[in-house]
């Protein structure tokens, strides 16, 4: 990015241009026969198939019902990651003994890809909702904890010292000093965690008995229905982008209202 920031209109133009370029290359690849139609359907075929999936069940459910199942699992996984990761990160950032106790284990586990937990999730939870929630949790949890931790570690000591001089109790120190000072870092961690949790979705739904976007894609692949696979992929991408847009708006709103005046 250049020193001069692009205007919102320019950013929208770049977005449209990038999407149009992608669709054009995809269309030309199909027209020129660079890939067999069986393995890479034309864009309009994928769109048509996605529209049909809204009304015609595939793998037992319509597209909206698959998406609803995925969002339910994702919502629980991300909620637990944020509810545990943010407070734990804040406490690790301010309580040295807790940091020394938890950090070695966390540093060892956080580099394990979420999909690597699929066998254990299947053994522990079977084909129920617990397995996907665990896998999504493992994707979303590390950024939530790390960013909260860095925010807490980065608080200027003079703020803590001033609060201590005023007799602020430990719990109030976290709620009135530490947490407000860490809001930007926490929001950044939530955005990253939300994205990584959503990326873990397909792997999470490899073990479900029925329903979900990952389940839809796997069943489409088994049936060699690449139009269904790509419709599912595009749907996942669109919803992921929408989640990020919503979190960006929330981030901008909160940061704007933190500024004086």
Protein backbone atom coordinates (compact mmCIF):
# COMPACT_ATOMS: atom_id res chain seq x y z
CA UNK A 1 0.00 0.00 0.00
CA UNK A 2 1.37 3.43 -0.89
CA UNK A 3 1.76 6.24 1.61
CA UNK A 4 -1.39 7.84 0.28
CA UNK A 5 -4.38 5.84 1.49
CA UNK A 6 -6.98 4.80 -1.08
CA UNK A 7 -10.43 6.30 -0.75
CA UNK A 8 -13.44 4.06 -0.01
CA UNK A 9 -14.56 4.43 -3.64
CA UNK A 10 -11.14 3.31 -4.87
CA UNK A 11 -11.16 0.34 -2.52
CA UNK A 12 -14.56 -0.72 -3.82
CA UNK A 13 -13.27 -0.35 -7.38
CA UNK A 14 -10.26 -2.53 -6.61
CA UNK A 15 -12.53 -5.14 -5.03
CA UNK A 16 -14.82 -5.25 -8.04
CA UNK A 17 -11.86 -5.34 -10.44
CA UNK A 18 -10.23 -8.21 -8.55
CA UNK A 19 -13.45 -10.20 -8.46
CA UNK A 20 -14.10 -9.54 -12.17
CA UNK A 21 -10.56 -10.65 -13.04
CA UNK A 22 -11.01 -13.87 -11.09
CA UNK A 23 -14.33 -14.62 -12.78
CA UNK A 24 -12.87 -13.78 -16.20
CA UNK A 25 -9.92 -16.13 -15.78
CA UNK A 26 -12.25 -18.85 -14.53
CA UNK A 27 -14.58 -18.37 -17.50
CA UNK A 28 -11.73 -18.37 -20.04
CA UNK A 29 -10.28 -21.54 -18.52
CA UNK A 30 -13.61 -23.24 -19.15
CA UNK A 31 -14.15 -21.81 -22.64
CA UNK A 32 -10.64 -22.69 -23.79
CA UNK A 33 -10.93 -26.19 -22.35
CA UNK A 34 -7.87 -25.83 -20.14
CA UNK A 35 -9.55 -28.08 -17.60
CA UNK A 36 -12.25 -30.73 -18.14
CA UNK A 37 -15.75 -29.40 -17.53
CA UNK A 38 -16.31 -32.30 -15.15
CA UNK A 39 -13.63 -30.94 -12.82
CA UNK A 40 -14.09 -27.18 -13.33
CA UNK A 41 -17.66 -26.16 -14.17
CA UNK A 42 -18.39 -22.77 -15.69
CA UNK A 43 -19.20 -19.88 -13.32
CA UNK A 44 -22.81 -19.64 -14.44
CA UNK A 45 -23.26 -23.38 -13.84
CA UNK A 46 -22.01 -23.00 -10.27
CA UNK A 47 -24.30 -20.02 -9.65
CA UNK A 48 -27.26 -21.91 -11.08
CA UNK A 49 -26.47 -24.95 -8.98
CA UNK A 50 -26.17 -22.80 -5.87
CA UNK A 51 -29.58 -21.27 -6.61
CA UNK A 52 -31.08 -24.74 -7.01
CA UNK A 53 -29.56 -25.84 -3.69
CA UNK A 54 -31.54 -23.10 -1.98
CA UNK A 55 -34.74 -24.99 -2.83
CA UNK A 56 -33.68 -28.58 -3.58
CA UNK A 57 -32.13 -30.69 -0.78
CA UNK A 58 -28.70 -32.23 -1.26
CA UNK A 59 -27.23 -34.54 1.37
CA UNK A 60 -30.51 -34.26 3.23
CA UNK A 61 -30.76 -30.48 3.54
CA UNK A 62 -31.12 -27.32 1.49
CA UNK A 63 -28.22 -24.87 1.25
CA UNK A 64 -29.66 -22.51 3.84
CA UNK A 65 -30.13 -25.39 6.30
CA UNK A 66 -26.54 -26.56 5.77
CA UNK A 67 -25.37 -23.00 6.40
CA UNK A 68 -27.51 -22.74 9.52
CA UNK A 69 -25.93 -25.93 10.91
CA UNK A 70 -22.45 -24.57 10.22
CA UNK A 71 -23.16 -21.20 11.80
CA UNK A 72 -24.48 -22.88 14.94
CA UNK A 73 -21.29 -24.91 15.37
CA UNK A 74 -19.12 -21.95 14.45
CA UNK A 75 -20.95 -19.64 16.84
CA UNK A 76 -20.40 -21.95 19.79
CA UNK A 77 -16.75 -22.60 18.92
CA UNK A 78 -15.93 -18.93 18.46
CA UNK A 79 -17.88 -17.88 21.55
CA UNK A 80 -15.98 -20.34 23.75
CA UNK A 81 -12.65 -19.31 22.21
CA UNK A 82 -13.34 -15.64 22.95
CA UNK A 83 -14.88 -16.24 26.38
CA UNK A 84 -11.86 -18.27 27.53
CA UNK A 85 -9.04 -16.80 25.44
CA UNK A 86 -9.56 -13.09 26.15
CA UNK A 87 -9.78 -13.27 29.98
CA UNK A 88 -6.97 -15.82 30.15
CA UNK A 89 -4.76 -13.68 27.91
CA UNK A 90 -5.39 -10.59 30.04
CA UNK A 91 -4.57 -12.47 33.23
CA UNK A 92 -1.42 -14.01 31.74
CA UNK A 93 -0.32 -10.55 30.67
CA UNK A 94 -0.57 -9.17 34.21
CA UNK A 95 0.04 -12.21 36.47
CA UNK A 96 3.58 -13.46 36.01
CA UNK A 97 3.24 -16.87 37.68
CA UNK A 98 0.18 -17.68 35.54
CA UNK A 99 2.08 -16.67 32.41
CA UNK A 100 4.97 -18.96 33.34
CA UNK A 101 2.57 -21.81 34.10
CA UNK A 102 0.42 -21.63 30.95
CA UNK A 103 2.75 -20.28 28.24
CA UNK A 104 4.90 -23.42 27.70
CA UNK A 105 1.85 -25.64 27.15
CA UNK A 106 0.07 -23.04 25.05
CA UNK A 107 3.14 -22.42 22.87
CA UNK A 108 3.42 -26.16 22.20
CA UNK A 109 -0.25 -26.67 21.34
CA UNK A 110 -1.00 -23.53 19.32
CA UNK A 111 1.15 -24.68 16.39
CA UNK A 112 -0.95 -27.82 15.91
CA UNK A 113 -3.27 -27.30 12.94
CA UNK A 114 -6.99 -27.47 13.87
CA UNK A 115 -7.57 -30.29 11.37
CA UNK A 116 -5.07 -32.42 13.31
CA UNK A 117 -7.61 -32.56 16.14
CA UNK A 118 -10.19 -34.29 13.93
CA UNK A 119 -9.31 -37.87 15.06
CA UNK A 120 -9.44 -36.92 18.74
CA UNK A 121 -12.64 -34.93 18.29
CA UNK A 122 -14.24 -37.96 16.64
CA UNK A 123 -13.11 -40.25 19.47
CA UNK A 124 -14.14 -37.90 22.26
CA UNK A 125 -17.42 -36.56 20.88
CA UNK A 126 -18.46 -38.95 18.10
CA UNK A 127 -20.46 -37.38 15.30
CA UNK A 128 -22.28 -34.87 17.50
CA UNK A 129 -21.85 -31.12 17.76
CA UNK A 130 -19.00 -31.30 20.28
CA UNK A 131 -16.36 -32.40 17.75
CA UNK A 132 -16.80 -29.50 15.29
CA UNK A 133 -16.98 -27.03 18.18
CA UNK A 134 -13.64 -28.31 19.50
CA UNK A 135 -11.93 -27.96 16.10
CA UNK A 136 -13.30 -24.46 15.50
CA UNK A 137 -12.27 -23.56 19.05
CA UNK A 138 -8.68 -24.67 18.41
CA UNK A 139 -8.56 -22.41 15.35
CA UNK A 140 -10.06 -19.32 16.99
CA UNK A 141 -8.58 -19.58 20.49
CA UNK A 142 -4.86 -18.73 19.94
CA UNK A 143 -5.36 -15.27 18.35
CA UNK A 144 -7.90 -14.33 21.02
CA UNK A 145 -5.45 -15.20 23.80
CA UNK A 146 -2.29 -13.85 22.15
CA UNK A 147 -3.69 -10.43 21.30
CA UNK A 148 -5.25 -9.99 24.73
CA UNK A 149 -1.93 -11.04 26.28
CA UNK A 150 0.07 -8.57 24.18
CA UNK A 151 -2.38 -5.80 24.98
CA UNK A 152 -2.09 -6.46 28.71
CA UNK A 153 1.71 -6.65 28.56
CA UNK A 154 1.85 -3.39 26.63
CA UNK A 155 0.02 -1.26 29.20
CA UNK A 156 2.23 1.55 30.42
CA UNK A 157 3.30 0.90 34.04
CA UNK A 158 2.36 4.43 35.08
CA UNK A 159 -1.33 3.64 34.53
CA UNK A 160 -1.12 0.60 36.79
CA UNK A 161 0.88 2.51 39.39
CA UNK A 162 -1.62 5.37 39.39
CA UNK A 163 -4.51 2.93 39.89
CA UNK A 164 -2.67 1.21 42.74
CA UNK A 165 -2.01 4.55 44.43
CA UNK A 166 -5.74 5.26 44.26
CA UNK A 167 -6.42 1.96 46.03
CA UNK A 168 -8.03 0.17 43.10
CA UNK A 169 -8.72 -3.48 43.98
CA UNK A 170 -7.32 -6.29 41.78
CA UNK A 171 -10.68 -7.14 40.17
CA UNK A 172 -11.44 -3.49 39.52
CA UNK A 173 -7.92 -3.13 38.09
CA UNK A 174 -8.82 -5.62 35.38
CA UNK A 175 -12.28 -4.28 34.63
CA UNK A 176 -11.53 -0.54 34.86
CA UNK A 177 -7.88 -0.26 33.76
CA UNK A 178 -6.55 -3.36 31.99
CA UNK A 179 -9.56 -4.30 29.88
CA UNK A 180 -10.33 -0.77 28.54
CA UNK A 181 -6.66 -0.25 27.65
CA UNK A 182 -6.58 -3.55 25.76
CA UNK A 183 -9.75 -3.07 23.68
CA UNK A 184 -7.91 -2.43 20.36
CA UNK A 185 -5.73 -5.53 20.80
CA UNK A 186 -8.70 -7.64 21.89
CA UNK A 187 -10.76 -6.61 18.87
CA UNK A 188 -7.87 -7.39 16.52
CA UNK A 189 -7.54 -10.83 18.10
CA UNK A 190 -11.26 -11.48 17.78
CA UNK A 191 -11.16 -10.59 14.08
CA UNK A 192 -8.23 -12.90 13.43
CA UNK A 193 -9.77 -15.64 15.56
CA UNK A 194 -13.10 -15.34 13.77
CA UNK A 195 -11.38 -15.80 10.42
CA UNK A 196 -9.28 -18.77 11.52
CA UNK A 197 -12.27 -20.37 13.20
CA UNK A 198 -14.27 -20.08 10.00
CA UNK A 199 -11.34 -21.50 8.01
CA UNK A 200 -11.45 -24.54 10.31
CA UNK A 201 -15.08 -25.17 9.43
CA UNK A 202 -14.63 -27.69 6.60
CA UNK A 203 -12.18 -29.77 8.63
CA UNK A 204 -14.53 -29.56 11.61
CA UNK A 205 -17.43 -30.92 9.60
CA UNK A 206 -15.56 -33.92 8.25
CA UNK A 207 -16.77 -35.84 11.30
CA UNK A 208 -20.41 -34.77 11.51
CA UNK A 209 -23.20 -37.21 10.78
CA UNK A 210 -25.23 -34.76 8.72
CA UNK A 211 -25.56 -31.12 7.82
CA UNK A 212 -23.13 -28.25 7.41
CA UNK A 213 -21.20 -26.62 4.59
CA UNK A 214 -18.20 -28.89 5.07
CA UNK A 215 -20.50 -31.90 5.00
CA UNK A 216 -22.10 -30.57 1.80
CA UNK A 217 -18.69 -30.22 0.14
CA UNK A 218 -17.55 -33.69 1.19
CA UNK A 219 -20.77 -35.26 -0.13
CA UNK A 220 -20.43 -33.29 -3.36
CA UNK A 221 -16.88 -34.54 -3.78
CA UNK A 222 -18.01 -38.13 -3.18
CA UNK A 223 -20.63 -37.71 -5.91
CA UNK A 224 -18.07 -36.01 -8.21
CA UNK A 225 -20.45 -33.04 -8.32
CA UNK A 226 -17.90 -30.27 -8.66
CA UNK A 227 -20.58 -27.65 -9.23
CA UNK A 228 -21.94 -28.42 -5.75
CA UNK A 229 -18.43 -28.40 -4.28
CA UNK A 230 -17.67 -25.00 -5.78
CA UNK A 231 -21.07 -23.61 -4.80
CA UNK A 232 -20.32 -24.66 -1.24
CA UNK A 233 -16.83 -23.14 -1.39
CA UNK A 234 -18.13 -19.83 -2.71
CA UNK A 235 -20.84 -19.78 -0.05
CA UNK A 236 -18.25 -20.35 2.69
CA UNK A 237 -16.09 -17.57 1.25
CA UNK A 238 -19.01 -15.15 1.02
CA UNK A 239 -20.13 -15.78 4.60
CA UNK A 240 -16.54 -15.51 5.86
CA UNK A 241 -16.16 -12.15 4.11
CA UNK A 242 -19.45 -10.99 5.62
CA UNK A 243 -18.30 -11.99 9.12
CA UNK A 244 -15.09 -10.01 8.62
CA UNK A 245 -17.01 -6.95 7.38
CA UNK A 246 -19.29 -7.03 10.42
CA UNK A 247 -16.31 -7.29 12.80
CA UNK A 248 -14.54 -4.46 10.96
CA UNK A 249 -17.59 -2.24 11.46
CA UNK A 250 -17.76 -3.15 15.14
CA UNK A 251 -14.02 -2.47 15.49
CA UNK A 252 -14.32 0.94 13.81
CA UNK A 253 -17.33 1.84 15.96
CA UNK A 254 -15.65 0.91 19.25
CA UNK A 255 -12.37 2.60 18.40
CA UNK A 256 -14.15 5.74 17.25
CA UNK A 257 -16.04 5.99 20.54
CA UNK A 258 -12.86 5.42 22.57
CA UNK A 259 -11.31 8.58 21.16
CA UNK A 260 -11.79 11.74 23.22
CA UNK A 261 -14.39 14.13 21.86
